[in-house]
Amino acid sequence: MRIVIAEDAAVIRAGLAEILTDRGHEIVAAVGDAEALKDAVAACQPDVAIVDVRMPPSHTDEGLRAAIAIRRDHPGVGILVFSQYIETRYAADLLAGRSSGGVGGGVGYLLKDRVGDVAEFTDAITRIAAGGTALDPEVVSGLLNASRHASTLGTLTAREQDVLALMAEGRSNSAIADRIFVSERAVEKHISNIFTKLNLPPSDSNHRRVLAVLAYLGT
């Protein structure tokens, strides 16, 4: 994959570049601020951009706001927010900018201090490049707590909410089955019930799995 890294800490930026290069990926740009990130994406059209939340000049939310702009202007570019911080407001905006048809790059939000395995990290990037999601459970929880639409989920059973939470983390049906100790057929049934209760009928133009996750996150 062709990857842009946006991280203001030079040591972390170099470390990410080395890890990903060693695994066969091409780092087309590695930058330290949000404006340079937007310029690099426009120039290089990468498969994925890895973005920190807090970047110069104010070190608040510049990276996340730049990621939202990239989702709008370059929908084919996957975005992985990789940060120490959960910023629920703009994270919800980032997810809301996801193509309703599931077309183009995916989106993820992982916390630096909770990624303990390089393979897990690179798998998340691969999933995002393919149009999927990769969300840390703590991010999911924070977004759900900040949700304006939690009542939408009131009709789901506890097990259906468990399945939807794992879908939001970007897990496959088989991974969900392993996690909650049921068969894949049972997971498929739960997901079908979720689609029905969230009023997501089959459609050629909409990716129901993504729309269900967005409903879960209240975006």
C-alpha atoms as a PDB file:
ATOM      1  CA  MET A   1       0.000   0.000   0.000  1.00  0.00           C
ATOM      2  CA  ARG A   2       0.987   3.627  -0.468  1.00  0.00           C
ATOM      3  CA  ILE A   3       0.794   5.442   2.866  1.00  0.00           C
ATOM      4  CA  VAL A   4       1.075   9.010   4.169  1.00  0.00           C
ATOM      5  CA  ILE A   5       2.026   9.475   7.822  1.00  0.00           C
ATOM      6  CA  ALA A   6       1.092  12.669   9.689  1.00  0.00           C
ATOM      7  CA  GLU A   7       2.678  12.718  13.158  1.00  0.00           C
ATOM      8  CA  ASP A   8       4.344  15.697  14.820  1.00  0.00           C
ATOM      9  CA  ALA A   9       6.632  13.558  17.023  1.00  0.00           C
ATOM     10  CA  ALA A  10       9.644  12.838  14.815  1.00  0.00           C
ATOM     11  CA  VAL A  11      10.625   9.630  16.612  1.00  0.00           C
ATOM     12  CA  ILE A  12       7.120   8.120  16.323  1.00  0.00           C
ATOM     13  CA  ARG A  13       6.886   9.251  12.697  1.00  0.00           C
ATOM     14  CA  ALA A  14      10.189   7.551  11.870  1.00  0.00           C
ATOM     15  CA  GLY A  15       9.218   4.421  13.791  1.00  0.00           C
ATOM     16  CA  LEU A  16       5.922   4.063  11.933  1.00  0.00           C
ATOM     17  CA  ALA A  17       7.691   4.561   8.621  1.00  0.00           C
ATOM     18  CA  GLU A  18      10.257   1.873   9.440  1.00  0.00           C
ATOM     19  CA  ILE A  19       7.644  -0.651  10.619  1.00  0.00           C
ATOM     20  CA  LEU A  20       5.507  -0.209   7.530  1.00  0.00           C
ATOM     21  CA  THR A  21       8.409  -0.142   5.074  1.00  0.00           C
ATOM     22  CA  ASP A  22       9.757  -3.376   6.567  1.00  0.00           C
ATOM     23  CA  ARG A  23       6.400  -4.972   5.770  1.00  0.00           C
ATOM     24  CA  GLY A  24       6.486  -3.980   2.127  1.00  0.00           C
ATOM     25  CA  HIS A  25       4.459  -0.774   2.181  1.00  0.00           C
ATOM     26  CA  GLU A  26       5.551   2.461   0.499  1.00  0.00           C
ATOM     27  CA  ILE A  27       5.664   5.614   2.613  1.00  0.00           C
ATOM     28  CA  VAL A  28       4.985   8.315   0.033  1.00  0.00           C
ATOM     29  CA  ALA A  29       5.149  11.156   2.583  1.00  0.00           C
ATOM     30  CA  ALA A  30       5.826  11.581   6.309  1.00  0.00           C
ATOM     31  CA  VAL A  31       4.873  15.009   7.625  1.00  0.00           C
ATOM     32  CA  GLY A  32       4.557  16.848  10.922  1.00  0.00           C
ATOM     33  CA  ASP A  33       1.541  19.140  10.584  1.00  0.00           C
ATOM     34  CA  ALA A  34      -2.007  19.165   9.250  1.00  0.00           C
ATOM     35  CA  GLU A  35      -1.458  21.472   6.285  1.00  0.00           C
ATOM     36  CA  ALA A  36       1.449  19.362   5.063  1.00  0.00           C
ATOM     37  CA  LEU A  37      -0.798  16.308   5.451  1.00  0.00           C
ATOM     38  CA  LYS A  38      -3.490  17.758   3.193  1.00  0.00           C
ATOM     39  CA  ASP A  39      -0.889  18.794   0.623  1.00  0.00           C
ATOM     40  CA  ALA A  40       0.725  15.338   0.678  1.00  0.00           C
ATOM     41  CA  VAL A  41      -2.588  13.534   0.182  1.00  0.00           C
ATOM     42  CA  ALA A  42      -3.532  15.821  -2.706  1.00  0.00           C
ATOM     43  CA  ALA A  43      -0.152  15.283  -4.368  1.00  0.00           C
ATOM     44  CA  CYS A  44       0.335  11.560  -3.712  1.00  0.00           C
ATOM     45  CA  GLN A  45      -3.199  10.108  -3.550  1.00  0.00           C
ATOM     46  CA  PRO A  46      -2.200   7.362  -1.079  1.00  0.00           C
ATOM     47  CA  ASP A  47      -4.237   4.308  -0.169  1.00  0.00           C
ATOM     48  CA  VAL A  48      -4.226   5.272   3.522  1.00  0.00           C
ATOM     49  CA  ALA A  49      -3.294   8.290   5.628  1.00  0.00           C
ATOM     50  CA  ILE A  50      -2.242   7.683   9.251  1.00  0.00           C
ATOM     51  CA  VAL A  51      -3.078  10.807  11.239  1.00  0.00           C
ATOM     52  CA  ASP A  52      -2.458  11.982  14.800  1.00  0.00           C
ATOM     53  CA  VAL A  53      -5.198  14.105  16.402  1.00  0.00           C
ATOM     54  CA  ARG A  54      -3.114  16.850  18.017  1.00  0.00           C
ATOM     55  CA  MET A  55      -0.718  18.611  15.688  1.00  0.00           C
ATOM     56  CA  PRO A  56       0.848  22.093  15.298  1.00  0.00           C
ATOM     57  CA  PRO A  57       0.220  24.918  15.729  1.00  0.00           C
ATOM     58  CA  SER A  58      -2.208  24.594  18.660  1.00  0.00           C
ATOM     59  CA  HIS A  59      -1.838  20.848  19.305  1.00  0.00           C
ATOM     60  CA  THR A  60      -5.585  20.413  19.833  1.00  0.00           C
ATOM     61  CA  ASP A  61      -7.538  18.841  16.974  1.00  0.00           C
ATOM     62  CA  GLU A  62      -5.799  19.972  13.777  1.00  0.00           C
ATOM     63  CA  GLY A  63      -5.042  16.436  12.620  1.00  0.00           C
ATOM     64  CA  LEU A  64      -8.593  15.208  13.056  1.00  0.00           C
ATOM     65  CA  ARG A  65     -10.053  18.222  11.266  1.00  0.00           C
ATOM     66  CA  ALA A  66      -7.595  17.663   8.420  1.00  0.00           C
ATOM     67  CA  ALA A  67      -8.721  14.029   8.260  1.00  0.00           C
ATOM     68  CA  ILE A  68     -12.334  15.175   7.880  1.00  0.00           C
ATOM     69  CA  ALA A  69     -11.305  17.475   5.027  1.00  0.00           C
ATOM     70  CA  ILE A  70      -9.499  14.585   3.341  1.00  0.00           C
ATOM     71  CA  ARG A  71     -12.589  12.370   3.642  1.00  0.00           C
ATOM     72  CA  ARG A  72     -14.563  15.090   1.904  1.00  0.00           C
ATOM     73  CA  ASP A  73     -12.052  15.943  -0.821  1.00  0.00           C
ATOM     74  CA  HIS A  74     -10.441  12.525  -1.390  1.00  0.00           C
ATOM     75  CA  PRO A  75     -13.041   9.868  -0.492  1.00  0.00           C
ATOM     76  CA  GLY A  76     -10.929   7.075  -1.932  1.00  0.00           C
ATOM     77  CA  VAL A  77      -8.229   7.598   0.695  1.00  0.00           C
ATOM     78  CA  GLY A  78      -8.552   5.501   3.839  1.00  0.00           C
ATOM     79  CA  ILE A  79      -8.024   7.311   7.139  1.00  0.00           C
ATOM     80  CA  LEU A  80      -6.521   5.819  10.291  1.00  0.00           C
ATOM     81  CA  VAL A  81      -6.545   8.190  13.241  1.00  0.00           C
ATOM     82  CA  PHE A  82      -3.747   6.989  15.536  1.00  0.00           C
ATOM     83  CA  SER A  83      -3.613   8.963  18.744  1.00  0.00           C
ATOM     84  CA  GLN A  84      -3.400   8.999  22.524  1.00  0.00           C
ATOM     85  CA  TYR A  85      -6.658  10.932  22.716  1.00  0.00           C
ATOM     86  CA  ILE A  86     -10.342  10.292  22.053  1.00  0.00           C
ATOM     87  CA  GLU A  87     -11.959  13.337  20.465  1.00  0.00           C
ATOM     88  CA  THR A  88     -15.605  12.337  20.215  1.00  0.00           C
ATOM     89  CA  ARG A  89     -17.020  15.370  18.434  1.00  0.00           C
ATOM     90  CA  TYR A  90     -14.754  15.329  15.407  1.00  0.00           C
ATOM     91  CA  ALA A  91     -14.437  11.538  15.404  1.00  0.00           C
ATOM     92  CA  ALA A  92     -18.193  11.341  14.904  1.00  0.00           C
ATOM     93  CA  ASP A  93     -17.903  13.884  12.081  1.00  0.00           C
ATOM     94  CA  LEU A  94     -15.152  11.789  10.488  1.00  0.00           C
ATOM     95  CA  LEU A  95     -17.306   8.664  10.533  1.00  0.00           C
ATOM     96  CA  ALA A  96     -20.334  10.576   9.289  1.00  0.00           C
ATOM     97  CA  GLY A  97     -18.285  11.551   6.233  1.00  0.00           C
ATOM     98  CA  ARG A  98     -17.991   7.884   5.254  1.00  0.00           C
ATOM     99  CA  SER A  99     -19.501   7.057   1.880  1.00  0.00           C
ATOM    100  CA  SER A 100     -22.964   5.597   2.465  1.00  0.00           C
ATOM    101  CA  GLY A 101     -22.337   3.216  -0.384  1.00  0.00           C
ATOM    102  CA  GLY A 102     -19.225   1.805   1.230  1.00  0.00           C
ATOM    103  CA  VAL A 103     -17.184   2.960  -1.774  1.00  0.00           C
ATOM    104  CA  GLY A 104     -13.656   4.215  -1.306  1.00  0.00           C
ATOM    105  CA  GLY A 105     -11.270   4.140   1.602  1.00  0.00           C
ATOM    106  CA  GLY A 106     -12.321   3.002   5.035  1.00  0.00           C
ATOM    107  CA  VAL A 107     -11.813   4.690   8.370  1.00  0.00           C
ATOM    108  CA  GLY A 108     -10.323   3.769  11.720  1.00  0.00           C
ATOM    109  CA  TYR A 109      -9.453   5.219  15.116  1.00  0.00           C
ATOM    110  CA  LEU A 110      -6.889   3.416  17.271  1.00  0.00           C
ATOM    111  CA  LEU A 111      -5.305   4.489  20.554  1.00  0.00           C
ATOM    112  CA  LYS A 112      -1.506   4.386  20.645  1.00  0.00           C
ATOM    113  CA  ASP A 113      -1.195   2.953  24.126  1.00  0.00           C
ATOM    114  CA  ARG A 114      -3.649   0.117  23.366  1.00  0.00           C
ATOM    115  CA  VAL A 115      -2.024  -1.240  20.214  1.00  0.00           C
ATOM    116  CA  GLY A 116       0.289  -3.893  21.588  1.00  0.00           C
ATOM    117  CA  ASP A 117       0.860  -5.930  18.442  1.00  0.00           C
ATOM    118  CA  VAL A 118       2.379  -4.796  15.144  1.00  0.00           C
ATOM    119  CA  ALA A 119       0.374  -7.401  13.211  1.00  0.00           C
ATOM    120  CA  GLU A 120      -2.849  -6.033  14.709  1.00  0.00           C
ATOM    121  CA  PHE A 121      -1.855  -2.533  13.608  1.00  0.00           C
ATOM    122  CA  THR A 122      -0.943  -3.528  10.054  1.00  0.00           C
ATOM    123  CA  ASP A 123      -4.083  -5.668   9.748  1.00  0.00           C
ATOM    124  CA  ALA A 124      -6.139  -2.593  10.687  1.00  0.00           C
ATOM    125  CA  ILE A 125      -4.439  -0.558   7.949  1.00  0.00           C
ATOM    126  CA  THR A 126      -5.146  -3.290   5.394  1.00  0.00           C
ATOM    127  CA  ARG A 127      -8.803  -3.393   6.441  1.00  0.00           C
ATOM    128  CA  ILE A 128      -9.115   0.384   6.105  1.00  0.00           C
ATOM    129  CA  ALA A 129      -7.468   0.407   2.674  1.00  0.00           C
ATOM    130  CA  ALA A 130     -10.077  -2.153   1.583  1.00  0.00           C
ATOM    131  CA  GLY A 131     -12.926   0.115   2.704  1.00  0.00           C
ATOM    132  CA  GLY A 132     -13.490  -1.357   6.163  1.00  0.00           C
ATOM    133  CA  THR A 133     -13.347   0.003   9.691  1.00  0.00           C
ATOM    134  CA  ALA A 134     -10.982  -0.416  12.633  1.00  0.00           C
ATOM    135  CA  LEU A 135     -12.158   1.164  15.877  1.00  0.00           C
ATOM    136  CA  ASP A 136     -10.697   0.734  19.336  1.00  0.00           C
ATOM    137  CA  PRO A 137     -13.373  -0.418  21.810  1.00  0.00           C
ATOM    138  CA  GLU A 138     -12.645   2.599  24.036  1.00  0.00           C
ATOM    139  CA  VAL A 139     -13.274   4.896  21.084  1.00  0.00           C
ATOM    140  CA  VAL A 140     -16.512   3.065  20.340  1.00  0.00           C
ATOM    141  CA  SER A 141     -17.579   3.440  23.974  1.00  0.00           C
ATOM    142  CA  GLY A 142     -16.729   7.143  24.016  1.00  0.00           C
ATOM    143  CA  LEU A 143     -18.661   7.779  20.829  1.00  0.00           C
ATOM    144  CA  LEU A 144     -21.642   5.826  22.058  1.00  0.00           C
ATOM    145  CA  ASN A 145     -21.711   7.771  25.321  1.00  0.00           C
ATOM    146  CA  ALA A 146     -21.656  10.996  23.302  1.00  0.00           C
ATOM    147  CA  SER A 147     -24.309   9.777  20.890  1.00  0.00           C
ATOM    148  CA  ARG A 148     -27.324  11.929  20.170  1.00  0.00           C
ATOM    149  CA  HIS A 149     -29.286   8.943  18.909  1.00  0.00           C
ATOM    150  CA  ALA A 150     -28.887   6.229  21.536  1.00  0.00           C
ATOM    151  CA  SER A 151     -32.666   5.753  21.569  1.00  0.00           C
ATOM    152  CA  THR A 152     -32.416   4.350  18.024  1.00  0.00           C
ATOM    153  CA  LEU A 153     -30.755   1.301  19.523  1.00  0.00           C
ATOM    154  CA  GLY A 154     -33.392   0.727  22.185  1.00  0.00           C
ATOM    155  CA  THR A 155     -35.070  -2.054  20.221  1.00  0.00           C
ATOM    156  CA  LEU A 156     -31.907  -4.175  20.003  1.00  0.00           C
ATOM    157  CA  THR A 157     -31.395  -7.045  22.399  1.00  0.00           C
ATOM    158  CA  ALA A 158     -28.292  -7.125  24.592  1.00  0.00           C
ATOM    159  CA  ARG A 159     -26.715  -9.762  22.339  1.00  0.00           C
ATOM    160  CA  GLU A 160     -27.519  -7.742  19.195  1.00  0.00           C
ATOM    161  CA  GLN A 161     -25.852  -4.711  20.783  1.00  0.00           C
ATOM    162  CA  ASP A 162     -22.792  -6.881  21.537  1.00  0.00           C
ATOM    163  CA  VAL A 163     -22.660  -7.959  17.897  1.00  0.00           C
ATOM    164  CA  LEU A 164     -23.050  -4.384  16.662  1.00  0.00           C
ATOM    165  CA  ALA A 165     -20.280  -3.181  18.980  1.00  0.00           C
ATOM    166  CA  LEU A 166     -17.941  -5.805  17.521  1.00  0.00           C
ATOM    167  CA  MET A 167     -18.996  -4.803  14.001  1.00  0.00           C
ATOM    168  CA  ALA A 168     -18.016  -1.232  14.900  1.00  0.00           C
ATOM    169  CA  GLU A 169     -14.550  -2.495  15.845  1.00  0.00           C
ATOM    170  CA  GLY A 170     -14.264  -3.793  12.269  1.00  0.00           C
ATOM    171  CA  ARG A 171     -14.482  -7.502  13.130  1.00  0.00           C
ATOM    172  CA  SER A 172     -15.636 -10.104  10.620  1.00  0.00           C
ATOM    173  CA  ASN A 173     -18.564 -12.444  11.252  1.00  0.00           C
ATOM    174  CA  SER A 174     -16.187 -15.286  12.101  1.00  0.00           C
ATOM    175  CA  ALA A 175     -14.260 -13.103  14.555  1.00  0.00           C
ATOM    176  CA  ILE A 176     -17.527 -12.000  16.182  1.00  0.00           C
ATOM    177  CA  ALA A 177     -18.615 -15.634  16.493  1.00  0.00           C
ATOM    178  CA  ASP A 178     -15.338 -16.526  18.190  1.00  0.00           C
ATOM    179  CA  ARG A 179     -15.594 -13.581  20.572  1.00  0.00           C
ATOM    180  CA  ILE A 180     -19.144 -14.268  21.809  1.00  0.00           C
ATOM    181  CA  PHE A 181     -18.947 -18.087  21.513  1.00  0.00           C
ATOM    182  CA  VAL A 182     -21.715 -18.671  18.970  1.00  0.00           C
ATOM    183  CA  SER A 183     -21.849 -20.027  15.419  1.00  0.00           C
ATOM    184  CA  GLU A 184     -21.372 -17.824  12.356  1.00  0.00           C
ATOM    185  CA  ARG A 185     -24.962 -18.671  11.405  1.00  0.00           C
ATOM    186  CA  ALA A 186     -26.118 -17.189  14.731  1.00  0.00           C
ATOM    187  CA  VAL A 187     -24.062 -14.057  14.067  1.00  0.00           C
ATOM    188  CA  GLU A 188     -25.633 -13.726  10.613  1.00  0.00           C
ATOM    189  CA  LYS A 189     -29.082 -13.991  12.207  1.00  0.00           C
ATOM    190  CA  HIS A 190     -28.239 -11.313  14.777  1.00  0.00           C
ATOM    191  CA  ILE A 191     -26.949  -9.012  12.025  1.00  0.00           C
ATOM    192  CA  SER A 192     -30.087  -9.582   9.955  1.00  0.00           C
ATOM    193  CA  ASN A 193     -32.185  -8.623  13.001  1.00  0.00           C
ATOM    194  CA  ILE A 194     -30.052  -5.522  13.510  1.00  0.00           C
ATOM    195  CA  PHE A 195     -30.605  -4.425   9.905  1.00  0.00           C
ATOM    196  CA  THR A 196     -34.345  -4.932  10.280  1.00  0.00           C
ATOM    197  CA  LYS A 197     -34.625  -3.043  13.568  1.00  0.00           C
ATOM    198  CA  LEU A 198     -32.495  -0.158  12.283  1.00  0.00           C
ATOM    199  CA  ASN A 199     -34.647   0.043   9.130  1.00  0.00           C
ATOM    200  CA  LEU A 200     -31.824  -0.856   6.757  1.00  0.00           C
ATOM    201  CA  PRO A 201     -33.420  -2.846   3.905  1.00  0.00           C
ATOM    202  CA  PRO A 202     -31.276  -4.546   1.232  1.00  0.00           C
ATOM    203  CA  SER A 203     -29.989  -2.065  -1.339  1.00  0.00           C
ATOM    204  CA  ASP A 204     -27.565  -2.083  -4.259  1.00  0.00           C
ATOM    205  CA  SER A 205     -26.378   1.426  -3.392  1.00  0.00           C
ATOM    206  CA  ASN A 206     -25.978   1.245   0.408  1.00  0.00           C
ATOM    207  CA  HIS A 207     -23.527  -0.770   2.494  1.00  0.00           C
ATOM    208  CA  ARG A 208     -25.796  -1.838   5.357  1.00  0.00           C
ATOM    209  CA  ARG A 209     -22.981  -2.947   7.639  1.00  0.00           C
ATOM    210  CA  VAL A 210     -21.412   0.521   7.515  1.00  0.00           C
ATOM    211  CA  LEU A 211     -24.773   2.253   7.971  1.00  0.00           C
ATOM    212  CA  ALA A 212     -25.533   0.071  11.007  1.00  0.00           C
ATOM    213  CA  VAL A 213     -22.195   1.021  12.569  1.00  0.00           C
ATOM    214  CA  LEU A 214     -22.873   4.700  11.909  1.00  0.00           C
ATOM    215  CA  ALA A 215     -26.275   4.350  13.577  1.00  0.00           C
ATOM    216  CA  TYR A 216     -24.581   2.670  16.528  1.00  0.00           C
ATOM    217  CA  LEU A 217     -22.096   5.526  16.833  1.00  0.00           C
ATOM    218  CA  GLY A 218     -24.859   8.108  16.606  1.00  0.00           C
ATOM    219  CA  THR A 219     -23.460   9.849  13.529  1.00  0.00           C
END
